[in-house]
Amino acid sequence: MLSKKCSLWSFVTSSIIWGVLLVVLMGGCSALKKDTTTIILAHAMSVDHPVSEGMRQLAKLVDEKSGGKLQLEIYPSGQLGSERELLELLQVGSIGMAKVSAATLGSFIPAYQVYSLPYLFRSREHMEKVLWGPVGKQLLLTGIDKRLRGIVYYDAGMRSFYSKESPIMKPSDLVGLKIRVQPSIMATKFINVLGGSPTPVPYGELYTALQSGVVDGAENNAPSFHTSLHYEICKYYSLSEHTGVPDVLLMSTHQWQALTEQEQEWLQEAADESAVYQRKVWHKAVEKAMQVFKENGVEITHPDKEAFIKGVQPLYQSFKNLHPELYKWVGRIKQVN
């Protein structure tokens, strides 16, 4: 009986998503008749998130550069599905663009798993030079054979631990704690190697999971910790800054190849400019979030990063042994000054 209910729920959910898509695509067709190319851009972020603001700026710039001939129609907050579902829709060309986390993308394009390695970046400055430099741009194109073309990165900051009962100052503080992780093999291994218990929980269900004790803590950047309201439950934010997993704006190769060279140029220029704008918005969002934390009694601490860096070295060795080709990206990233 349970399996029948699950199957029914899966069928209903899929039907809703495809029903919405049908309406969206019909709308896109009517736009094309008016000599306007309309591209559907979907993502799972809330509308008040700084990454969402970056995509709204992208839509504005595309409209301005093309004189209204090229437009983006944005569907936020998971309206068209989860990040994994959006990637699948991109691959078959059912939508034109999507924004997903590099952590999720790693299951489709292995090279992106590199970004989930803890302490890959020496500093925020190092991260920015990698992502928006030659190495990052080359990695964006590694998924073309999977029908996924990377367009640009959006800043998702540095991820740190937050917890309910006490601050996480050293690896041993994770022992016995259930920590929510992203749907990423690397994220799971990271918590495991430090002695914690990685617990996958959908992001939309995390507030309740923290509240009910399903998990003892999680890890994320400051704006997400803020906009999710998780700071209402977790009163310790430990700035371990262990990963800098970026968000990635992707395009279906079906859609990209259907554009003219001029349209491709408009879109890429607008995306690059929107990423610069979004980084400025991100910095302001971090400052605002940290102020909100202080006002609401969140204790902000600075853990011993060296202890964490030492603790994750077995993860690097394992990655090197299992994925020697992918590990070459690690070397290239480390060489960036």
Foldseek 3Di string as FASTA:
>chain_A
DVVVVVVVVVVVVVVQLVVVLVVVVVVQVVCVVVQAHEFEEEEQDDCPFLVVVLVVLLQVLLCVLVVNRYGYDYDYNQSNHHPLVVLVCLLVPSGWKYKFWLQSCCVQQVLSLVQLQWPLAVDVVLVVCCCPHDNNQVSQCRCVVSQKGFQHWAFFAFKFKFFAPDADFFLVVQAPFEEEFDPHPSRCVLNVLSRHHYDHDPPVCVLVCCVVVVGGIYMGALLCCQVSVSLVRTQETEPLSTGGTIMTMITGNVNLVVDDPSSNVSSSVSSVVSRVVSVVVVVVSNVVSVVVSVVNNRHYHYHDNVNSVVSSVVVLVVCCVVPVPSCVSSVVSVPRD
